[in-house]
Amino acid sequence: MTLWNLRRAQQATLVAFSPNLDEKLSQRLQDLGLRLGETVICQRRSLLGGPRVYQAGESLLALEKEI
């Protein structure tokens, strides 16, 4: 399952980053609060497939499907 599959208000524990994800982007996401073992909650989903908002700890991140 990926974060993109989460429904609104559903939560999951982050267990890995995609091996296809650039290492610098992976590190940047971790710097922003998206860390392995962190509980992530889908806060908002766009009806038209735009970025989704996720909460990880005290951080809110808007991510597109490609990430």
PDB file of N, CA and C in Angstrom:
ATOM      1  N   MET A   1       0.849  -1.172   0.000  1.00  0.00           N
ATOM      2  CA  MET A   1       0.000   0.000   0.000  1.00  0.00           C
ATOM      3  C   MET A   1       0.893   1.234   0.000  1.00  0.00           C
ATOM      4  N   THR A   2       0.455   2.276  -0.684  1.00  0.00           N
ATOM      5  CA  THR A   2       1.178   3.544  -0.674  1.00  0.00           C
ATOM      6  C   THR A   2       0.336   4.592   0.036  1.00  0.00           C
ATOM      7  N   LEU A   3       0.941   5.724   0.373  1.00  0.00           N
ATOM      8  CA  LEU A   3       0.190   6.804   1.010  1.00  0.00           C
ATOM      9  C   LEU A   3      -0.967   7.253   0.122  1.00  0.00           C
ATOM     10  N   TRP A   4      -0.777   7.194  -1.185  1.00  0.00           N
ATOM     11  CA  TRP A   4      -1.808   7.646  -2.117  1.00  0.00           C
ATOM     12  C   TRP A   4      -3.085   6.802  -1.988  1.00  0.00           C
ATOM     13  N   ASN A   5      -2.970   5.572  -1.505  1.00  0.00           N
ATOM     14  CA  ASN A   5      -4.132   4.685  -1.355  1.00  0.00           C
ATOM     15  C   ASN A   5      -4.942   4.962  -0.092  1.00  0.00           C
ATOM     16  N   LEU A   6      -4.416   5.774   0.815  1.00  0.00           N
ATOM     17  CA  LEU A   6      -5.147   6.061   2.046  1.00  0.00           C
ATOM     18  C   LEU A   6      -6.395   6.887   1.760  1.00  0.00           C
ATOM     19  N   ARG A   7      -7.486   6.531   2.419  1.00  0.00           N
ATOM     20  CA  ARG A   7      -8.706   7.340   2.348  1.00  0.00           C
ATOM     21  C   ARG A   7      -8.584   8.475   3.352  1.00  0.00           C
ATOM     22  N   ARG A   8      -9.443   9.464   3.227  1.00  0.00           N
ATOM     23  CA  ARG A   8      -9.424  10.594   4.152  1.00  0.00           C
ATOM     24  C   ARG A   8      -9.618  10.076   5.586  1.00  0.00           C
ATOM     25  N   ALA A   9      -8.802  10.563   6.491  1.00  0.00           N
ATOM     26  CA  ALA A   9      -8.811  10.223   7.919  1.00  0.00           C
ATOM     27  C   ALA A   9      -8.240   8.828   8.211  1.00  0.00           C
ATOM     28  N   GLN A  10      -7.829   8.096   7.195  1.00  0.00           N
ATOM     29  CA  GLN A  10      -7.210   6.792   7.420  1.00  0.00           C
ATOM     30  C   GLN A  10      -5.741   6.992   7.760  1.00  0.00           C
ATOM     31  N   GLN A  11      -5.206   6.127   8.593  1.00  0.00           N
ATOM     32  CA  GLN A  11      -3.812   6.248   8.989  1.00  0.00           C
ATOM     33  C   GLN A  11      -3.044   4.975   8.688  1.00  0.00           C
ATOM     34  N   ALA A  12      -1.732   5.135   8.575  1.00  0.00           N
ATOM     35  CA  ALA A  12      -0.843   4.003   8.325  1.00  0.00           C
ATOM     36  C   ALA A  12       0.525   4.343   8.909  1.00  0.00           C
ATOM     37  N   THR A  13       1.328   3.324   9.104  1.00  0.00           N
ATOM     38  CA  THR A  13       2.697   3.523   9.573  1.00  0.00           C
ATOM     39  C   THR A  13       3.628   3.441   8.375  1.00  0.00           C
ATOM     40  N   LEU A  14       4.503   4.414   8.244  1.00  0.00           N
ATOM     41  CA  LEU A  14       5.452   4.445   7.139  1.00  0.00           C
ATOM     42  C   LEU A  14       6.551   3.418   7.397  1.00  0.00           C
ATOM     43  N   VAL A  15       6.644   2.417   6.534  1.00  0.00           N
ATOM     44  CA  VAL A  15       7.631   1.355   6.733  1.00  0.00           C
ATOM     45  C   VAL A  15       8.786   1.427   5.735  1.00  0.00           C
ATOM     46  N   ALA A  16       8.608   2.147   4.616  1.00  0.00           N
ATOM     47  CA  ALA A  16       9.685   2.248   3.623  1.00  0.00           C
ATOM     48  C   ALA A  16       9.358   3.348   2.624  1.00  0.00           C
ATOM     49  N   PHE A  17      10.404   3.857   1.999  1.00  0.00           N
ATOM     50  CA  PHE A  17      10.251   4.739   0.858  1.00  0.00           C
ATOM     51  C   PHE A  17      10.450   3.896  -0.393  1.00  0.00           C
ATOM     52  N   SER A  18       9.832   4.288  -1.472  1.00  0.00           N
ATOM     53  CA  SER A  18       9.998   3.568  -2.732  1.00  0.00           C
ATOM     54  C   SER A  18      11.471   3.537  -3.121  1.00  0.00           C
ATOM     55  N   PRO A  19      11.967   2.391  -3.568  1.00  0.00           N
ATOM     56  CA  PRO A  19      13.369   2.334  -4.011  1.00  0.00           C
ATOM     57  C   PRO A  19      13.605   3.208  -5.242  1.00  0.00           C
ATOM     58  N   ASN A  20      12.539   3.592  -5.938  1.00  0.00           N
ATOM     59  CA  ASN A  20      12.658   4.452  -7.118  1.00  0.00           C
ATOM     60  C   ASN A  20      12.756   5.927  -6.752  1.00  0.00           C
ATOM     61  N   LEU A  21      12.524   6.263  -5.478  1.00  0.00           N
ATOM     62  CA  LEU A  21      12.549   7.654  -5.025  1.00  0.00           C
ATOM     63  C   LEU A  21      13.995   8.133  -4.909  1.00  0.00           C
ATOM     64  N   ASP A  22      14.271   9.296  -5.479  1.00  0.00           N
ATOM     65  CA  ASP A  22      15.594   9.890  -5.418  1.00  0.00           C
ATOM     66  C   ASP A  22      16.038  10.025  -3.957  1.00  0.00           C
ATOM     67  N   GLU A  23      17.280   9.699  -3.676  1.00  0.00           N
ATOM     68  CA  GLU A  23      17.783   9.724  -2.296  1.00  0.00           C
ATOM     69  C   GLU A  23      17.692  11.117  -1.670  1.00  0.00           C
ATOM     70  N   LYS A  24      17.940  12.163  -2.456  1.00  0.00           N
ATOM     71  CA  LYS A  24      17.847  13.527  -1.931  1.00  0.00           C
ATOM     72  C   LYS A  24      16.406  13.874  -1.573  1.00  0.00           C
ATOM     73  N   LEU A  25      15.456  13.434  -2.383  1.00  0.00           N
ATOM     74  CA  LEU A  25      14.044  13.685  -2.086  1.00  0.00           C
ATOM     75  C   LEU A  25      13.623  12.899  -0.848  1.00  0.00           C
ATOM     76  N   SER A  26      14.079  11.668  -0.746  1.00  0.00           N
ATOM     77  CA  SER A  26      13.784  10.857   0.443  1.00  0.00           C
ATOM     78  C   SER A  26      14.296  11.546   1.702  1.00  0.00           C
ATOM     79  N   GLN A  27      15.503  12.055   1.652  1.00  0.00           N
ATOM     80  CA  GLN A  27      16.075  12.744   2.807  1.00  0.00           C
ATOM     81  C   GLN A  27      15.294  14.017   3.116  1.00  0.00           C
ATOM     82  N   ARG A  28      14.885  14.746   2.085  1.00  0.00           N
ATOM     83  CA  ARG A  28      14.119  15.984   2.295  1.00  0.00           C
ATOM     84  C   ARG A  28      12.783  15.677   2.958  1.00  0.00           C
ATOM     85  N   LEU A  29      12.101  14.625   2.531  1.00  0.00           N
ATOM     86  CA  LEU A  29      10.829  14.233   3.155  1.00  0.00           C
ATOM     87  C   LEU A  29      11.036  13.882   4.624  1.00  0.00           C
ATOM     88  N   GLN A  30      12.124  13.206   4.926  1.00  0.00           N
ATOM     89  CA  GLN A  30      12.424  12.871   6.321  1.00  0.00           C
ATOM     90  C   GLN A  30      12.721  14.133   7.133  1.00  0.00           C
ATOM     91  N   ASP A  31      13.422  15.073   6.523  1.00  0.00           N
ATOM     92  CA  ASP A  31      13.708  16.346   7.195  1.00  0.00           C
ATOM     93  C   ASP A  31      12.419  17.107   7.511  1.00  0.00           C
ATOM     94  N   LEU A  32      11.399  16.931   6.663  1.00  0.00           N
ATOM     95  CA  LEU A  32      10.117  17.607   6.857  1.00  0.00           C
ATOM     96  C   LEU A  32       9.197  16.864   7.831  1.00  0.00           C
ATOM     97  N   GLY A  33       9.626  15.691   8.311  1.00  0.00           N
ATOM     98  CA  GLY A  33       8.849  14.987   9.316  1.00  0.00           C
ATOM     99  C   GLY A  33       8.274  13.651   8.884  1.00  0.00           C
ATOM    100  N   LEU A  34       8.481  13.269   7.635  1.00  0.00           N
ATOM    101  CA  LEU A  34       7.959  11.997   7.135  1.00  0.00           C
ATOM    102  C   LEU A  34       9.038  10.938   7.328  1.00  0.00           C
ATOM    103  N   ARG A  35       9.050  10.337   8.522  1.00  0.00           N
ATOM    104  CA  ARG A  35      10.113   9.405   8.908  1.00  0.00           C
ATOM    105  C   ARG A  35       9.596   7.973   8.994  1.00  0.00           C
ATOM    106  N   LEU A  36      10.497   7.034   8.781  1.00  0.00           N
ATOM    107  CA  LEU A  36      10.138   5.621   8.914  1.00  0.00           C
ATOM    108  C   LEU A  36       9.644   5.362  10.329  1.00  0.00           C
ATOM    109  N   GLY A  37       8.573   4.598  10.444  1.00  0.00           N
ATOM    110  CA  GLY A  37       7.978   4.286  11.736  1.00  0.00           C
ATOM    111  C   GLY A  37       6.944   5.297  12.182  1.00  0.00           C
ATOM    112  N   GLU A  38       6.849   6.420  11.484  1.00  0.00           N
ATOM    113  CA  GLU A  38       5.909   7.490  11.830  1.00  0.00           C
ATOM    114  C   GLU A  38       4.494   7.122  11.373  1.00  0.00           C
ATOM    115  N   THR A  39       3.508   7.449  12.202  1.00  0.00           N
ATOM    116  CA  THR A  39       2.115   7.289  11.801  1.00  0.00           C
ATOM    117  C   THR A  39       1.735   8.456  10.904  1.00  0.00           C
ATOM    118  N   VAL A  40       1.178   8.142   9.746  1.00  0.00           N
ATOM    119  CA  VAL A  40       0.796   9.151   8.759  1.00  0.00           C
ATOM    120  C   VAL A  40      -0.714   9.088   8.579  1.00  0.00           C
ATOM    121  N   ILE A  41      -1.359  10.246   8.588  1.00  0.00           N
ATOM    122  CA  ILE A  41      -2.812  10.341   8.434  1.00  0.00           C
ATOM    123  C   ILE A  41      -3.120  11.154   7.186  1.00  0.00           C
ATOM    124  N   CYS A  42      -4.004  10.647   6.351  1.00  0.00           N
ATOM    125  CA  CYS A  42      -4.455  11.406   5.185  1.00  0.00           C
ATOM    126  C   CYS A  42      -5.484  12.430   5.664  1.00  0.00           C
ATOM    127  N   GLN A  43      -5.156  13.705   5.559  1.00  0.00           N
ATOM    128  CA  GLN A  43      -6.031  14.770   6.044  1.00  0.00           C
ATOM    129  C   GLN A  43      -6.989  15.277   4.963  1.00  0.00           C
ATOM    130  N   ARG A  44      -6.524  15.363   3.732  1.00  0.00           N
ATOM    131  CA  ARG A  44      -7.361  15.886   2.638  1.00  0.00           C
ATOM    132  C   ARG A  44      -7.025  15.192   1.330  1.00  0.00           C
ATOM    133  N   ARG A  45      -8.074  14.976   0.536  1.00  0.00           N
ATOM    134  CA  ARG A  45      -7.937  14.412  -0.809  1.00  0.00           C
ATOM    135  C   ARG A  45      -8.676  15.309  -1.770  1.00  0.00           C
ATOM    136  N   SER A  46      -8.068  15.576  -2.897  1.00  0.00           N
ATOM    137  CA  SER A  46      -8.703  16.386  -3.929  1.00  0.00           C
ATOM    138  C   SER A  46      -9.602  15.510  -4.798  1.00  0.00           C
ATOM    139  N   LEU A  47     -10.741  16.039  -5.152  1.00  0.00           N
ATOM    140  CA  LEU A  47     -11.655  15.288  -6.023  1.00  0.00           C
ATOM    141  C   LEU A  47     -11.088  15.100  -7.422  1.00  0.00           C
ATOM    142  N   LEU A  48     -10.228  16.009  -7.840  1.00  0.00           N
ATOM    143  CA  LEU A  48      -9.694  15.957  -9.198  1.00  0.00           C
ATOM    144  C   LEU A  48      -8.301  15.344  -9.273  1.00  0.00           C
ATOM    145  N   GLY A  49      -7.859  14.710  -8.206  1.00  0.00           N
ATOM    146  CA  GLY A  49      -6.581  14.008  -8.223  1.00  0.00           C
ATOM    147  C   GLY A  49      -5.370  14.875  -7.947  1.00  0.00           C
ATOM    148  N   GLY A  50      -5.571  16.079  -7.423  1.00  0.00           N
ATOM    149  CA  GLY A  50      -4.456  16.967  -7.095  1.00  0.00           C
ATOM    150  C   GLY A  50      -3.711  16.484  -5.868  1.00  0.00           C
ATOM    151  N   PRO A  51      -2.797  17.295  -5.362  1.00  0.00           N
ATOM    152  CA  PRO A  51      -2.014  16.893  -4.184  1.00  0.00           C
ATOM    153  C   PRO A  51      -2.910  16.533  -2.996  1.00  0.00           C
ATOM    154  N   ARG A  52      -2.429  15.627  -2.190  1.00  0.00           N
ATOM    155  CA  ARG A  52      -3.130  15.228  -0.969  1.00  0.00           C
ATOM    156  C   ARG A  52      -2.346  15.723   0.228  1.00  0.00           C
ATOM    157  N   VAL A  53      -3.056  15.977   1.314  1.00  0.00           N
ATOM    158  CA  VAL A  53      -2.416  16.494   2.521  1.00  0.00           C
ATOM    159  C   VAL A  53      -2.328  15.368   3.542  1.00  0.00           C
ATOM    160  N   TYR A  54      -1.113  15.177   4.052  1.00  0.00           N
ATOM    161  CA  TYR A  54      -0.849  14.135   5.039  1.00  0.00           C
ATOM    162  C   TYR A  54      -0.278  14.770   6.295  1.00  0.00           C
ATOM    163  N   GLN A  55      -0.619  14.188   7.436  1.00  0.00           N
ATOM    164  CA  GLN A  55      -0.051  14.615   8.707  1.00  0.00           C
ATOM    165  C   GLN A  55       0.862  13.508   9.212  1.00  0.00           C
ATOM    166  N   ALA A  56       2.078  13.910   9.577  1.00  0.00           N
ATOM    167  CA  ALA A  56       3.046  12.995  10.176  1.00  0.00           C
ATOM    168  C   ALA A  56       3.586  13.700  11.409  1.00  0.00           C
ATOM    169  N   GLY A  57       3.154  13.275  12.576  1.00  0.00           N
ATOM    170  CA  GLY A  57       3.526  13.975  13.801  1.00  0.00           C
ATOM    171  C   GLY A  57       2.909  15.364  13.784  1.00  0.00           C
ATOM    172  N   GLU A  58       3.718  16.382  13.953  1.00  0.00           N
ATOM    173  CA  GLU A  58       3.247  17.772  13.941  1.00  0.00           C
ATOM    174  C   GLU A  58       3.331  18.390  12.541  1.00  0.00           C
ATOM    175  N   SER A  59       3.827  17.637  11.563  1.00  0.00           N
ATOM    176  CA  SER A  59       4.037  18.160  10.209  1.00  0.00           C
ATOM    177  C   SER A  59       2.841  17.879   9.309  1.00  0.00           C
ATOM    178  N   LEU A  60       2.506  18.847   8.458  1.00  0.00           N
ATOM    179  CA  LEU A  60       1.522  18.670   7.394  1.00  0.00           C
ATOM    180  C   LEU A  60       2.260  18.812   6.072  1.00  0.00           C
ATOM    181  N   LEU A  61       2.058  17.828   5.183  1.00  0.00           N
ATOM    182  CA  LEU A  61       2.726  17.851   3.887  1.00  0.00           C
ATOM    183  C   LEU A  61       1.707  17.645   2.777  1.00  0.00           C
ATOM    184  N   ALA A  62       1.810  18.437   1.718  1.00  0.00           N
ATOM    185  CA  ALA A  62       0.981  18.252   0.529  1.00  0.00           C
ATOM    186  C   ALA A  62       1.855  17.548  -0.497  1.00  0.00           C
ATOM    187  N   LEU A  63       1.449  16.343  -0.895  1.00  0.00           N
ATOM    188  CA  LEU A  63       2.249  15.544  -1.806  1.00  0.00           C
ATOM    189  C   LEU A  63       1.456  15.172  -3.053  1.00  0.00           C
ATOM    190  N   GLU A  64       2.125  15.207  -4.202  1.00  0.00           N
ATOM    191  CA  GLU A  64       1.519  14.753  -5.450  1.00  0.00           C
ATOM    192  C   GLU A  64       1.719  13.257  -5.582  1.00  0.00           C
ATOM    193  N   LYS A  65       0.972  12.639  -6.458  1.00  0.00           N
ATOM    194  CA  LYS A  65       1.008  11.187  -6.623  1.00  0.00           C
ATOM    195  C   LYS A  65       2.404  10.687  -6.995  1.00  0.00           C
ATOM    196  N   GLU A  66       3.144  11.435  -7.777  1.00  0.00           N
ATOM    197  CA  GLU A  66       4.465  11.001  -8.238  1.00  0.00           C
ATOM    198  C   GLU A  66       5.453  10.843  -7.093  1.00  0.00           C
ATOM    199  N   ILE A  67       5.179  11.498  -5.949  1.00  0.00           N
ATOM    200  CA  ILE A  67       6.089  11.394  -4.807  1.00  0.00           C
ATOM    201  C   ILE A  67       5.589  10.293  -3.920  1.00  0.00           C
TER     202      ILE A  67
END
